[in-house]
């Protein structure tokens, strides 16, 4: 990871075995997300945008967002100094094979992370490709993503869509729906004193099942801590 303050581009590989609940934040640097495997939910305002394998999203500096990553996902996150020339609109980037390839190389990098060497040049190639790309207004770009977004914890798929889903998210829809339901419960916990009603509203049969989901997807051995997050 290029961590020194003088570096204008910073790459991180986000790779965790568990669901990661994001916090709403504004970054003072622009952000590029590239999903190599798995996926997640990008929250902008009240809207959730599912991201799957090979999806690319650009977020200009000062964008208010939350990024929730599904378990076993592999995502490149690049941040850019405000002094660099960058797109000004948040959105998805499509038809950018060199950008995808560059990010994949960074994700798999095993050599020296020297800004003046090959690693730094590769970061600058990604930036060059980003400047040539025009992010499209943030929408759910396929019928599958729109179906998921319309009801993220209880969407229904045809058999053909399920096949597409597994190919895109590297997981079956039941696995992802349970993680989405868990995120919704955790989001609403502070506003709802009735935990049993809350978990049932988001698709869990009982509080016990919700606690088991916390333990499994969040990787917590203490269910009480999970409920209080």
C-alpha atoms as a PDB file:
ATOM      1  CA  UNK A   1       0.000   0.000   0.000  1.00  0.00           C
ATOM      2  CA  UNK A   2       1.327   3.448  -0.884  1.00  0.00           C
ATOM      3  CA  UNK A   3       1.014   5.057   2.529  1.00  0.00           C
ATOM      4  CA  UNK A   4       3.485   7.953   2.510  1.00  0.00           C
ATOM      5  CA  UNK A   5       1.883  11.383   2.707  1.00  0.00           C
ATOM      6  CA  UNK A   6       3.635  12.580  -0.469  1.00  0.00           C
ATOM      7  CA  UNK A   7       2.075   9.878  -2.620  1.00  0.00           C
ATOM      8  CA  UNK A   8      -0.808  11.220  -4.651  1.00  0.00           C
ATOM      9  CA  UNK A   9      -2.408   7.780  -5.245  1.00  0.00           C
ATOM     10  CA  UNK A  10      -3.002   5.160  -2.585  1.00  0.00           C
ATOM     11  CA  UNK A  11      -4.084   1.562  -3.266  1.00  0.00           C
ATOM     12  CA  UNK A  12      -5.554  -0.829  -0.704  1.00  0.00           C
ATOM     13  CA  UNK A  13      -6.768  -4.368  -1.239  1.00  0.00           C
ATOM     14  CA  UNK A  14      -9.850  -4.996   0.915  1.00  0.00           C
ATOM     15  CA  UNK A  15     -10.098  -8.720   1.514  1.00  0.00           C
ATOM     16  CA  UNK A  16     -11.940 -10.088   4.548  1.00  0.00           C
ATOM     17  CA  UNK A  17     -13.721 -13.377   5.281  1.00  0.00           C
ATOM     18  CA  UNK A  18     -16.622 -11.589   6.978  1.00  0.00           C
ATOM     19  CA  UNK A  19     -19.336  -9.051   6.196  1.00  0.00           C
ATOM     20  CA  UNK A  20     -18.073  -5.503   6.713  1.00  0.00           C
ATOM     21  CA  UNK A  21     -20.638  -2.882   7.714  1.00  0.00           C
ATOM     22  CA  UNK A  22     -19.581   0.515   6.387  1.00  0.00           C
ATOM     23  CA  UNK A  23     -20.134   3.859   8.088  1.00  0.00           C
ATOM     24  CA  UNK A  24     -21.557   6.877   6.330  1.00  0.00           C
ATOM     25  CA  UNK A  25     -18.687   9.246   5.688  1.00  0.00           C
ATOM     26  CA  UNK A  26     -17.315  12.000   3.524  1.00  0.00           C
ATOM     27  CA  UNK A  27     -13.780  11.553   2.272  1.00  0.00           C
ATOM     28  CA  UNK A  28     -11.688  14.591   1.397  1.00  0.00           C
ATOM     29  CA  UNK A  29     -10.061  12.508  -1.362  1.00  0.00           C
ATOM     30  CA  UNK A  30     -11.671  10.984  -4.437  1.00  0.00           C
ATOM     31  CA  UNK A  31     -12.241   7.240  -4.286  1.00  0.00           C
ATOM     32  CA  UNK A  32     -12.258   4.476  -6.904  1.00  0.00           C
ATOM     33  CA  UNK A  33     -13.757   1.059  -6.061  1.00  0.00           C
ATOM     34  CA  UNK A  34     -13.031  -1.966  -8.263  1.00  0.00           C
ATOM     35  CA  UNK A  35     -14.639  -5.291  -7.329  1.00  0.00           C
ATOM     36  CA  UNK A  36     -12.463  -8.271  -8.235  1.00  0.00           C
ATOM     37  CA  UNK A  37     -14.597 -10.916  -6.516  1.00  0.00           C
ATOM     38  CA  UNK A  38     -17.836 -10.970  -4.530  1.00  0.00           C
ATOM     39  CA  UNK A  39     -19.449  -7.591  -4.073  1.00  0.00           C
ATOM     40  CA  UNK A  40     -21.230  -5.272  -1.707  1.00  0.00           C
ATOM     41  CA  UNK A  41     -23.732  -2.460  -1.314  1.00  0.00           C
ATOM     42  CA  UNK A  42     -22.852   1.151  -1.982  1.00  0.00           C
ATOM     43  CA  UNK A  43     -25.197   3.460  -0.076  1.00  0.00           C
ATOM     44  CA  UNK A  44     -25.743   6.945  -1.476  1.00  0.00           C
ATOM     45  CA  UNK A  45     -28.467   8.842   0.334  1.00  0.00           C
ATOM     46  CA  UNK A  46     -31.385   6.463   0.817  1.00  0.00           C
ATOM     47  CA  UNK A  47     -30.465   4.325  -2.160  1.00  0.00           C
ATOM     48  CA  UNK A  48     -28.485   1.081  -2.227  1.00  0.00           C
ATOM     49  CA  UNK A  49     -26.514   0.121  -5.313  1.00  0.00           C
ATOM     50  CA  UNK A  50     -25.298  -3.491  -5.467  1.00  0.00           C
ATOM     51  CA  UNK A  51     -21.761  -3.891  -6.789  1.00  0.00           C
ATOM     52  CA  UNK A  52     -20.593  -7.223  -8.198  1.00  0.00           C
ATOM     53  CA  UNK A  53     -17.493  -8.660  -9.847  1.00  0.00           C
ATOM     54  CA  UNK A  54     -15.739  -6.293 -12.312  1.00  0.00           C
ATOM     55  CA  UNK A  55     -17.886  -3.341 -11.273  1.00  0.00           C
ATOM     56  CA  UNK A  56     -16.061  -0.002 -11.076  1.00  0.00           C
ATOM     57  CA  UNK A  57     -17.409   3.054  -9.250  1.00  0.00           C
ATOM     58  CA  UNK A  58     -15.864   6.492  -8.891  1.00  0.00           C
ATOM     59  CA  UNK A  59     -16.754   8.811  -5.991  1.00  0.00           C
ATOM     60  CA  UNK A  60     -15.471  12.414  -6.109  1.00  0.00           C
ATOM     61  CA  UNK A  61     -14.107  14.038  -2.990  1.00  0.00           C
ATOM     62  CA  UNK A  62     -16.725  15.064  -0.419  1.00  0.00           C
ATOM     63  CA  UNK A  63     -19.278  12.434  -1.535  1.00  0.00           C
ATOM     64  CA  UNK A  64     -21.428  11.200   1.370  1.00  0.00           C
ATOM     65  CA  UNK A  65     -21.572   7.406   1.169  1.00  0.00           C
ATOM     66  CA  UNK A  66     -21.338   4.082   2.991  1.00  0.00           C
ATOM     67  CA  UNK A  67     -19.686   1.003   1.501  1.00  0.00           C
ATOM     68  CA  UNK A  68     -20.811  -2.383   2.870  1.00  0.00           C
ATOM     69  CA  UNK A  69     -18.719  -5.349   1.679  1.00  0.00           C
ATOM     70  CA  UNK A  70     -20.073  -8.890   1.514  1.00  0.00           C
ATOM     71  CA  UNK A  71     -18.112 -11.744   3.070  1.00  0.00           C
ATOM     72  CA  UNK A  72     -15.260 -13.206   0.993  1.00  0.00           C
ATOM     73  CA  UNK A  73     -15.145 -10.194  -1.317  1.00  0.00           C
ATOM     74  CA  UNK A  74     -11.966  -8.866  -2.863  1.00  0.00           C
ATOM     75  CA  UNK A  75     -11.990  -5.163  -3.686  1.00  0.00           C
ATOM     76  CA  UNK A  76      -9.381  -2.615  -4.748  1.00  0.00           C
ATOM     77  CA  UNK A  77      -9.829   0.807  -3.213  1.00  0.00           C
ATOM     78  CA  UNK A  78      -7.796   3.674  -4.645  1.00  0.00           C
ATOM     79  CA  UNK A  79      -7.758   7.181  -3.214  1.00  0.00           C
ATOM     80  CA  UNK A  80      -6.503  10.197  -5.158  1.00  0.00           C
ATOM     81  CA  UNK A  81      -5.025  13.468  -4.029  1.00  0.00           C
ATOM     82  CA  UNK A  82      -7.288  16.510  -4.581  1.00  0.00           C
ATOM     83  CA  UNK A  83      -4.543  18.074  -6.684  1.00  0.00           C
ATOM     84  CA  UNK A  84      -4.920  15.432  -9.420  1.00  0.00           C
ATOM     85  CA  UNK A  85      -7.155  15.927 -12.449  1.00  0.00           C
ATOM     86  CA  UNK A  86     -10.209  13.701 -11.938  1.00  0.00           C
ATOM     87  CA  UNK A  87     -13.829  13.282 -13.064  1.00  0.00           C
ATOM     88  CA  UNK A  88     -16.305  15.408 -11.121  1.00  0.00           C
ATOM     89  CA  UNK A  89     -19.357  13.116 -11.218  1.00  0.00           C
ATOM     90  CA  UNK A  90     -19.975  10.022  -9.117  1.00  0.00           C
ATOM     91  CA  UNK A  91     -20.995   6.964 -11.051  1.00  0.00           C
ATOM     92  CA  UNK A  92     -20.249   3.605 -12.603  1.00  0.00           C
ATOM     93  CA  UNK A  93     -17.457   3.218 -15.120  1.00  0.00           C
ATOM     94  CA  UNK A  94     -18.008   0.732 -17.931  1.00  0.00           C
ATOM     95  CA  UNK A  95     -15.906  -0.496 -20.839  1.00  0.00           C
ATOM     96  CA  UNK A  96     -12.587   0.125 -19.089  1.00  0.00           C
ATOM     97  CA  UNK A  97     -10.579  -3.082 -19.594  1.00  0.00           C
ATOM     98  CA  UNK A  98      -7.163  -1.474 -19.010  1.00  0.00           C
ATOM     99  CA  UNK A  99      -8.379   0.128 -15.790  1.00  0.00           C
ATOM    100  CA  UNK A 100      -9.648  -3.275 -14.610  1.00  0.00           C
ATOM    101  CA  UNK A 101      -6.401  -4.961 -15.601  1.00  0.00           C
ATOM    102  CA  UNK A 102      -4.296  -2.333 -13.838  1.00  0.00           C
ATOM    103  CA  UNK A 103      -6.296  -2.649 -10.630  1.00  0.00           C
ATOM    104  CA  UNK A 104      -6.029  -6.445 -10.796  1.00  0.00           C
ATOM    105  CA  UNK A 105      -2.236  -6.142 -11.116  1.00  0.00           C
ATOM    106  CA  UNK A 106      -2.136  -3.868  -8.075  1.00  0.00           C
ATOM    107  CA  UNK A 107      -4.317  -6.297  -6.113  1.00  0.00           C
ATOM    108  CA  UNK A 108      -1.940  -9.184  -6.878  1.00  0.00           C
ATOM    109  CA  UNK A 109       1.274  -7.176  -6.490  1.00  0.00           C
ATOM    110  CA  UNK A 110       4.054  -9.079  -4.696  1.00  0.00           C
ATOM    111  CA  UNK A 111       7.059  -6.872  -5.443  1.00  0.00           C
ATOM    112  CA  UNK A 112       8.367  -3.645  -3.958  1.00  0.00           C
ATOM    113  CA  UNK A 113       5.730  -0.946  -3.537  1.00  0.00           C
ATOM    114  CA  UNK A 114       8.068   1.803  -4.643  1.00  0.00           C
ATOM    115  CA  UNK A 115       6.376   4.947  -5.925  1.00  0.00           C
ATOM    116  CA  UNK A 116       9.325   5.652  -8.214  1.00  0.00           C
ATOM    117  CA  UNK A 117       9.343   2.085  -9.581  1.00  0.00           C
ATOM    118  CA  UNK A 118       6.943  -0.199 -11.452  1.00  0.00           C
ATOM    119  CA  UNK A 119       4.321  -0.109  -8.684  1.00  0.00           C
ATOM    120  CA  UNK A 120       4.059   3.678  -8.754  1.00  0.00           C
ATOM    121  CA  UNK A 121       3.952   3.698 -12.546  1.00  0.00           C
ATOM    122  CA  UNK A 122       1.074   1.219 -12.453  1.00  0.00           C
ATOM    123  CA  UNK A 123      -0.837   3.481 -10.035  1.00  0.00           C
ATOM    124  CA  UNK A 124      -0.332   6.351 -12.483  1.00  0.00           C
ATOM    125  CA  UNK A 125      -1.573   4.202 -15.382  1.00  0.00           C
ATOM    126  CA  UNK A 126      -4.788   3.571 -13.440  1.00  0.00           C
ATOM    127  CA  UNK A 127      -5.119   7.327 -12.907  1.00  0.00           C
ATOM    128  CA  UNK A 128      -4.540   7.968 -16.620  1.00  0.00           C
ATOM    129  CA  UNK A 129      -7.278   5.486 -17.510  1.00  0.00           C
ATOM    130  CA  UNK A 130      -9.620   7.061 -14.976  1.00  0.00           C
ATOM    131  CA  UNK A 131      -9.126  10.471 -16.590  1.00  0.00           C
ATOM    132  CA  UNK A 132     -10.140   8.957 -19.933  1.00  0.00           C
ATOM    133  CA  UNK A 133     -13.304   7.449 -18.458  1.00  0.00           C
ATOM    134  CA  UNK A 134     -16.615   9.158 -17.949  1.00  0.00           C
ATOM    135  CA  UNK A 135     -18.538   7.860 -14.914  1.00  0.00           C
ATOM    136  CA  UNK A 136     -22.195   7.299 -15.736  1.00  0.00           C
ATOM    137  CA  UNK A 137     -24.842   8.657 -13.403  1.00  0.00           C
ATOM    138  CA  UNK A 138     -25.163   6.209 -10.513  1.00  0.00           C
ATOM    139  CA  UNK A 139     -27.891   3.749 -11.443  1.00  0.00           C
ATOM    140  CA  UNK A 140     -28.394   0.007 -11.256  1.00  0.00           C
ATOM    141  CA  UNK A 141     -27.032  -0.775 -14.679  1.00  0.00           C
ATOM    142  CA  UNK A 142     -28.601  -4.207 -15.342  1.00  0.00           C
ATOM    143  CA  UNK A 143     -32.053  -5.742 -14.726  1.00  0.00           C
ATOM    144  CA  UNK A 144     -30.463  -8.077 -12.162  1.00  0.00           C
ATOM    145  CA  UNK A 145     -28.978  -5.231 -10.126  1.00  0.00           C
ATOM    146  CA  UNK A 146     -32.270  -3.318 -10.271  1.00  0.00           C
ATOM    147  CA  UNK A 147     -34.157  -6.383  -9.009  1.00  0.00           C
ATOM    148  CA  UNK A 148     -31.770  -6.677  -6.073  1.00  0.00           C
ATOM    149  CA  UNK A 149     -31.854  -2.965  -5.294  1.00  0.00           C
ATOM    150  CA  UNK A 150     -35.671  -2.815  -5.252  1.00  0.00           C
ATOM    151  CA  UNK A 151     -35.764  -5.148  -2.231  1.00  0.00           C
ATOM    152  CA  UNK A 152     -32.230  -5.960  -1.126  1.00  0.00           C
ATOM    153  CA  UNK A 153     -33.159  -8.450   1.608  1.00  0.00           C
ATOM    154  CA  UNK A 154     -36.068 -10.210  -0.103  1.00  0.00           C
ATOM    155  CA  UNK A 155     -35.634 -10.131  -3.877  1.00  0.00           C
ATOM    156  CA  UNK A 156     -36.806 -13.033  -6.058  1.00  0.00           C
ATOM    157  CA  UNK A 157     -34.869 -14.365  -9.047  1.00  0.00           C
ATOM    158  CA  UNK A 158     -35.653 -16.641 -11.953  1.00  0.00           C
ATOM    159  CA  UNK A 159     -33.413 -19.656 -12.487  1.00  0.00           C
ATOM    160  CA  UNK A 160     -31.573 -17.792 -15.250  1.00  0.00           C
ATOM    161  CA  UNK A 161     -31.078 -14.779 -12.984  1.00  0.00           C
ATOM    162  CA  UNK A 162     -29.795 -17.047 -10.197  1.00  0.00           C
ATOM    163  CA  UNK A 163     -27.140 -18.380 -12.553  1.00  0.00           C
ATOM    164  CA  UNK A 164     -26.171 -14.827 -13.488  1.00  0.00           C
ATOM    165  CA  UNK A 165     -26.178 -13.856  -9.813  1.00  0.00           C
ATOM    166  CA  UNK A 166     -23.757 -16.641  -8.824  1.00  0.00           C
ATOM    167  CA  UNK A 167     -21.443 -15.698 -11.666  1.00  0.00           C
ATOM    168  CA  UNK A 168     -21.514 -12.013 -10.694  1.00  0.00           C
ATOM    169  CA  UNK A 169     -21.317 -12.246  -6.906  1.00  0.00           C
ATOM    170  CA  UNK A 170     -19.416 -15.547  -6.465  1.00  0.00           C
ATOM    171  CA  UNK A 171     -22.182 -16.613  -4.074  1.00  0.00           C
ATOM    172  CA  UNK A 172     -25.810 -17.755  -4.178  1.00  0.00           C
ATOM    173  CA  UNK A 173     -28.652 -15.299  -3.646  1.00  0.00           C
ATOM    174  CA  UNK A 174     -29.697 -16.767  -0.263  1.00  0.00           C
ATOM    175  CA  UNK A 175     -26.216 -16.059   1.115  1.00  0.00           C
ATOM    176  CA  UNK A 176     -26.298 -12.448  -0.049  1.00  0.00           C
ATOM    177  CA  UNK A 177     -29.911 -11.830   1.030  1.00  0.00           C
ATOM    178  CA  UNK A 178     -29.095 -12.910   4.580  1.00  0.00           C
ATOM    179  CA  UNK A 179     -26.166 -10.490   4.696  1.00  0.00           C
ATOM    180  CA  UNK A 180     -28.352  -7.686   3.347  1.00  0.00           C
ATOM    181  CA  UNK A 181     -31.017  -8.426   5.959  1.00  0.00           C
ATOM    182  CA  UNK A 182     -28.382  -8.322   8.676  1.00  0.00           C
ATOM    183  CA  UNK A 183     -27.170  -4.926   7.463  1.00  0.00           C
ATOM    184  CA  UNK A 184     -30.732  -3.564   7.547  1.00  0.00           C
ATOM    185  CA  UNK A 185     -31.281  -4.753  11.110  1.00  0.00           C
ATOM    186  CA  UNK A 186     -27.986  -3.250  12.254  1.00  0.00           C
ATOM    187  CA  UNK A 187     -28.919   0.006  10.505  1.00  0.00           C
ATOM    188  CA  UNK A 188     -32.280   0.222  12.300  1.00  0.00           C
ATOM    189  CA  UNK A 189     -31.275  -1.032  15.756  1.00  0.00           C
ATOM    190  CA  UNK A 190     -30.806   2.442  17.220  1.00  0.00           C
ATOM    191  CA  UNK A 191     -34.275   3.522  16.035  1.00  0.00           C
ATOM    192  CA  UNK A 192     -36.290   0.463  17.081  1.00  0.00           C
ATOM    193  CA  UNK A 193     -36.646  -0.685  20.703  1.00  0.00           C
ATOM    194  CA  UNK A 194     -38.551  -3.803  19.575  1.00  0.00           C
ATOM    195  CA  UNK A 195     -35.757  -6.117  18.477  1.00  0.00           C
ATOM    196  CA  UNK A 196     -38.021  -9.099  17.831  1.00  0.00           C
ATOM    197  CA  UNK A 197     -40.310  -7.108  15.530  1.00  0.00           C
ATOM    198  CA  UNK A 198     -37.314  -5.561  13.790  1.00  0.00           C
ATOM    199  CA  UNK A 199     -35.585  -8.838  12.950  1.00  0.00           C
ATOM    200  CA  UNK A 200     -38.843 -10.376  11.733  1.00  0.00           C
ATOM    201  CA  UNK A 201     -39.538  -7.349   9.534  1.00  0.00           C
ATOM    202  CA  UNK A 202     -36.216  -7.944   7.812  1.00  0.00           C
ATOM    203  CA  UNK A 203     -36.750 -11.655   7.266  1.00  0.00           C
ATOM    204  CA  UNK A 204     -35.317 -13.417  10.322  1.00  0.00           C
ATOM    205  CA  UNK A 205     -37.540 -16.016  11.991  1.00  0.00           C
ATOM    206  CA  UNK A 206     -36.412 -15.040  15.487  1.00  0.00           C
ATOM    207  CA  UNK A 207     -33.905 -13.053  17.526  1.00  0.00           C
ATOM    208  CA  UNK A 208     -31.925 -16.266  17.966  1.00  0.00           C
ATOM    209  CA  UNK A 209     -31.566 -16.637  14.194  1.00  0.00           C
ATOM    210  CA  UNK A 210     -30.445 -13.007  13.948  1.00  0.00           C
ATOM    211  CA  UNK A 211     -27.841 -13.626  16.664  1.00  0.00           C
ATOM    212  CA  UNK A 212     -26.569 -16.665  14.778  1.00  0.00           C
ATOM    213  CA  UNK A 213     -26.300 -14.574  11.609  1.00  0.00           C
ATOM    214  CA  UNK A 214     -24.293 -11.934  13.505  1.00  0.00           C
ATOM    215  CA  UNK A 215     -21.919 -14.585  14.782  1.00  0.00           C
ATOM    216  CA  UNK A 216     -21.516 -16.209  11.365  1.00  0.00           C
ATOM    217  CA  UNK A 217     -21.327 -13.218   9.016  1.00  0.00           C
ATOM    218  CA  UNK A 218     -19.643 -10.681  11.284  1.00  0.00           C
ATOM    219  CA  UNK A 219     -17.226 -13.222  12.732  1.00  0.00           C
ATOM    220  CA  UNK A 220     -18.175 -12.373  16.302  1.00  0.00           C
ATOM    221  CA  UNK A 221     -18.096 -14.996  19.002  1.00  0.00           C
ATOM    222  CA  UNK A 222     -20.163 -12.762  21.289  1.00  0.00           C
ATOM    223  CA  UNK A 223     -23.691 -12.286  19.928  1.00  0.00           C
ATOM    224  CA  UNK A 224     -24.447  -9.586  22.474  1.00  0.00           C
ATOM    225  CA  UNK A 225     -21.638  -7.431  21.114  1.00  0.00           C
ATOM    226  CA  UNK A 226     -22.944  -7.981  17.618  1.00  0.00           C
ATOM    227  CA  UNK A 227     -26.435  -6.795  18.545  1.00  0.00           C
ATOM    228  CA  UNK A 228     -25.056  -3.662  20.163  1.00  0.00           C
ATOM    229  CA  UNK A 229     -22.944  -2.588  17.171  1.00  0.00           C
END
